[in-house]
Each structure stands twice: as structure tokens, then as C-alpha cells.
């Protein structure tokens, strides 16, 4: 059994460009074994999705899978504080902005802050997803101190309004916690 496992690992390493180990191949692709996850919940505690983040290529890879959400377009952001106290989730603070730049992917400066992500589009079936990069921050900084939360807003983020894109109330929130699960 051990020889089969070694053969599979060697074959995989060879297939990945001749890298000596799988760890080297993962490093070459900017992948990490670190993750942080959150369960998104509404104010009444209903689970409505998951968020998985990991460092990748100098930024943060963010994957959101939402379900049982109201159809439409919703702002989705990383927020500054790792708290999600109901009923309004204001305990999550503002958008995560370690570089102190204006909000929005379409602002005049052309540089969004680290917490800005694409809008979450929820279909008629109540589900939607985001698979995006947050290039303006680091994974460790996102989790430092009191951590961060991931928030879904009632409305779309317009990409320009200060300080939060006119995205409306907070309808779901989850605290990002390091999992080191990969």
C-alpha cells in the first residue's frame, strides 16, 4: 500500500511540472494550507451560507456559498471586527480597510479597500456564490486582533458611495475563524 501511495505522489508531483514535492507545487501556485471559515447566519440564527478564505498569491481568496437568501443582488464585504451580534450585526464594524482608501471598486482612485468584494447575486432558488480575490489585504492581518466578520447586505453595493456602497442593512453575518483545515 505504501508503494502505491508513493507512486501516486511521485506521479502527481511529476505531472505538476517536475516539482520535487506536492508542497513545492502548492507553493508555486500560491496555495496555502491555512484557511478561515465562517457560517453565515441571519439575525434569528438561521444558517444561510458559508465563507471560506485562504491566502493566495499575495491576497486573500474568498469563496461564498449562500442559500435560503432573498433573491436579488447583495453587497458582500469583509468587516473589521470578528463579532456578529444580532439583531443588526453592527458589532462587525465597518468594511475592512487596512490601507485607508476610499470605498468602492469604481471610486475615482480606482483602488478598492480590502473588504470590498463583488456583489452576491442570489437567484430565484435562494442561492448564489462568490469566488473572488481580495488583493488589498493579507490573511494574517484579516485575522489579527479581534478578527474579522463577513457580512451580506440587503442591497447591492453601488461601488462608489462612501463609506459603504449604499448597500443597506446587514442581513447575514459570520465570524471568520482560522481553521488550518487543508
Protein backbone atom coordinates (compact mmCIF):
# COMPACT_ATOMS: atom_id res chain seq x y z
CA UNK A 1 0.00 0.00 0.00
CA UNK A 2 2.84 2.37 0.87
CA UNK A 3 4.44 1.86 -2.57
CA UNK A 4 1.14 2.68 -4.29
CA UNK A 5 0.80 5.89 -2.29
CA UNK A 6 4.41 6.89 -3.06
CA UNK A 7 3.87 6.15 -6.75
CA UNK A 8 0.73 8.30 -6.81
CA UNK A 9 2.52 11.16 -5.06
CA UNK A 10 5.50 10.92 -7.39
CA UNK A 11 3.24 10.82 -10.43
CA UNK A 12 1.30 13.83 -9.21
CA UNK A 13 4.50 15.77 -8.50
CA UNK A 14 5.82 14.89 -11.97
CA UNK A 15 2.53 15.95 -13.58
CA UNK A 16 2.75 19.28 -11.79
CA UNK A 17 5.82 20.37 -13.75
CA UNK A 18 8.50 18.20 -12.23
CA UNK A 19 8.24 19.67 -8.73
CA UNK A 20 10.01 17.54 -6.16
CA UNK A 21 7.13 17.59 -3.69
CA UNK A 22 3.45 18.39 -3.58
CA UNK A 23 4.22 21.15 -1.07
CA UNK A 24 6.54 22.79 -3.60
CA UNK A 25 3.83 22.52 -6.25
CA UNK A 26 1.31 24.15 -3.91
CA UNK A 27 3.82 26.89 -3.06
CA UNK A 28 4.46 27.51 -6.77
CA UNK A 29 0.72 28.01 -7.28
CA UNK A 30 0.45 30.39 -4.31
CA UNK A 31 -1.69 27.93 -2.34
CA UNK A 32 -1.66 27.63 1.42
CA UNK A 33 -2.74 25.10 4.00
CA UNK A 34 -4.26 27.93 6.05
CA UNK A 35 -7.97 28.70 5.86
CA UNK A 36 -10.51 30.72 7.77
CA UNK A 37 -14.19 29.92 7.57
CA UNK A 38 -17.47 31.43 8.69
CA UNK A 39 -21.05 30.24 8.85
CA UNK A 40 -23.38 32.99 7.68
CA UNK A 41 -26.45 33.43 9.86
CA UNK A 42 -29.44 35.76 9.87
CA UNK A 43 -30.44 37.78 12.95
CA UNK A 44 -32.72 34.92 14.08
CA UNK A 45 -29.82 32.43 13.86
CA UNK A 46 -30.81 30.68 10.62
CA UNK A 47 -27.82 29.32 8.68
CA UNK A 48 -27.76 30.85 5.19
CA UNK A 49 -24.30 30.07 3.89
CA UNK A 50 -20.60 29.56 4.34
CA UNK A 51 -17.48 31.59 3.63
CA UNK A 52 -14.02 30.11 3.13
CA UNK A 53 -10.93 32.30 2.83
CA UNK A 54 -7.28 31.46 2.26
CA UNK A 55 -4.09 33.31 1.41
CA UNK A 56 -3.27 33.12 -2.28
CA UNK A 57 -0.82 34.99 -4.45
CA UNK A 58 -0.31 37.91 -2.06
CA UNK A 59 -4.04 38.42 -1.43
CA UNK A 60 -6.99 36.53 0.01
CA UNK A 61 -9.10 34.06 -1.97
CA UNK A 62 -12.74 34.35 -0.84
CA UNK A 63 -15.41 31.74 -1.62
CA UNK A 64 -19.01 32.33 -0.55
CA UNK A 65 -21.83 29.80 -0.89
CA UNK A 66 -25.19 31.23 0.14
CA UNK A 67 -28.60 29.56 0.35
CA UNK A 68 -32.07 30.37 1.70
CA UNK A 69 -31.40 34.05 0.97
CA UNK A 70 -33.76 36.62 -0.59
CA UNK A 71 -33.40 36.80 -4.37
CA UNK A 72 -31.55 39.83 -5.70
CA UNK A 73 -28.16 41.47 -5.61
CA UNK A 74 -26.48 41.97 -2.23
CA UNK A 75 -23.33 43.74 -1.09
CA UNK A 76 -20.80 41.34 0.40
CA UNK A 77 -17.86 42.55 2.47
CA UNK A 78 -15.20 41.61 4.96
CA UNK A 79 -15.79 43.76 8.07
CA UNK A 80 -13.27 44.94 10.68
CA UNK A 81 -14.41 43.13 13.82
CA UNK A 82 -14.93 39.42 14.46
CA UNK A 83 -18.39 39.80 16.02
CA UNK A 84 -21.89 39.23 14.68
CA UNK A 85 -24.30 40.36 17.40
CA UNK A 86 -27.98 40.32 16.40
CA UNK A 87 -30.21 41.99 15.55
CA UNK A 88 -28.31 44.37 13.22
CA UNK A 89 -24.74 43.00 13.18
CA UNK A 90 -23.35 46.50 13.77
CA UNK A 91 -20.84 44.83 16.11
CA UNK A 92 -18.96 43.72 12.95
CA UNK A 93 -17.81 47.32 12.47
CA UNK A 94 -17.17 48.91 9.09
CA UNK A 95 -15.59 47.46 6.00
CA UNK A 96 -12.08 46.11 6.49
CA UNK A 97 -9.81 48.86 5.16
CA UNK A 98 -6.20 48.41 6.33
CA UNK A 99 -4.83 50.65 3.56
CA UNK A 100 -7.20 53.54 4.36
CA UNK A 101 -8.50 54.08 0.82
CA UNK A 102 -12.00 55.14 -0.31
CA UNK A 103 -14.71 52.51 -0.59
CA UNK A 104 -15.72 51.04 -3.91
CA UNK A 105 -14.40 49.22 -6.90
CA UNK A 106 -15.49 52.14 -9.10
CA UNK A 107 -14.27 55.08 -6.98
CA UNK A 108 -12.19 57.87 -8.55
CA UNK A 109 -8.93 56.43 -7.20
CA UNK A 110 -9.61 53.07 -8.85
CA UNK A 111 -8.42 51.15 -5.79
CA UNK A 112 -10.92 49.42 -3.53
CA UNK A 113 -10.29 48.73 0.11
CA UNK A 114 -9.53 45.20 1.26
CA UNK A 115 -13.08 44.40 2.38
CA UNK A 116 -14.67 45.22 -1.00
CA UNK A 117 -15.83 42.18 -2.95
CA UNK A 118 -18.15 41.64 -5.91
CA UNK A 119 -21.87 41.72 -5.18
CA UNK A 120 -23.53 38.43 -4.29
CA UNK A 121 -26.27 37.59 -6.80
CA UNK A 122 -28.96 35.35 -5.32
CA UNK A 123 -31.21 33.55 -7.79
CA UNK A 124 -34.90 32.74 -7.53
CA UNK A 125 -33.95 29.48 -5.78
CA UNK A 126 -32.37 31.46 -2.91
CA UNK A 127 -28.78 30.52 -3.66
CA UNK A 128 -25.70 32.22 -5.04
CA UNK A 129 -21.94 32.26 -4.77
CA UNK A 130 -18.84 34.41 -5.00
CA UNK A 131 -15.36 33.20 -5.93
CA UNK A 132 -13.08 36.23 -5.82
CA UNK A 133 -9.78 37.67 -4.70
CA UNK A 134 -9.34 40.40 -2.10
CA UNK A 135 -5.93 41.65 -3.27
CA UNK A 136 -5.50 44.62 -0.90
CA UNK A 137 -5.02 42.77 2.38
CA UNK A 138 -3.23 39.83 3.91
CA UNK A 139 -4.72 36.76 5.51
CA UNK A 140 -2.88 37.23 8.80
CA UNK A 141 -3.91 40.91 9.01
CA UNK A 142 -7.55 39.95 8.38
CA UNK A 143 -7.47 37.60 11.37
CA UNK A 144 -5.26 39.69 13.67
CA UNK A 145 -6.51 41.19 16.93
CA UNK A 146 -10.26 40.80 17.23
CA UNK A 147 -10.51 39.17 13.79
CA UNK A 148 -12.99 39.91 11.03
CA UNK A 149 -16.56 39.13 10.06
CA UNK A 150 -18.17 38.55 6.69
CA UNK A 151 -21.40 40.48 6.12
CA UNK A 152 -24.13 40.23 3.48
CA UNK A 153 -26.17 43.40 2.97
CA UNK A 154 -29.81 43.85 1.93
CA UNK A 155 -28.99 45.76 -1.26
CA UNK A 156 -26.33 45.84 -3.95
CA UNK A 157 -23.09 47.71 -3.33
CA UNK A 158 -23.04 50.54 -5.90
CA UNK A 159 -19.25 50.57 -5.98
CA UNK A 160 -18.86 54.30 -5.30
CA UNK A 161 -20.92 55.63 -2.36
CA UNK A 162 -18.92 56.37 0.79
CA UNK A 163 -18.28 54.76 3.12
CA UNK A 164 -20.11 51.52 2.32
CA UNK A 165 -21.62 51.47 -1.16
CA UNK A 166 -25.20 52.28 -0.09
CA UNK A 167 -25.70 48.54 0.41
CA UNK A 168 -28.31 48.89 3.13
CA UNK A 169 -28.88 46.90 6.29
CA UNK A 170 -26.91 43.81 7.24
CA UNK A 171 -28.96 40.66 6.70
CA UNK A 172 -26.40 37.92 7.39
CA UNK A 173 -23.10 37.73 9.22
CA UNK A 174 -20.42 35.19 10.08
CA UNK A 175 -17.23 35.45 12.14
CA UNK A 176 -14.14 34.32 10.23
CA UNK A 177 -12.16 31.80 12.26
CA UNK A 178 -8.83 30.21 11.39
CA UNK A 179 -9.27 26.53 10.59
CA UNK A 180 -5.95 25.37 9.07
CA UNK A 181 -8.00 22.58 7.51
CA UNK A 182 -6.40 21.88 4.14
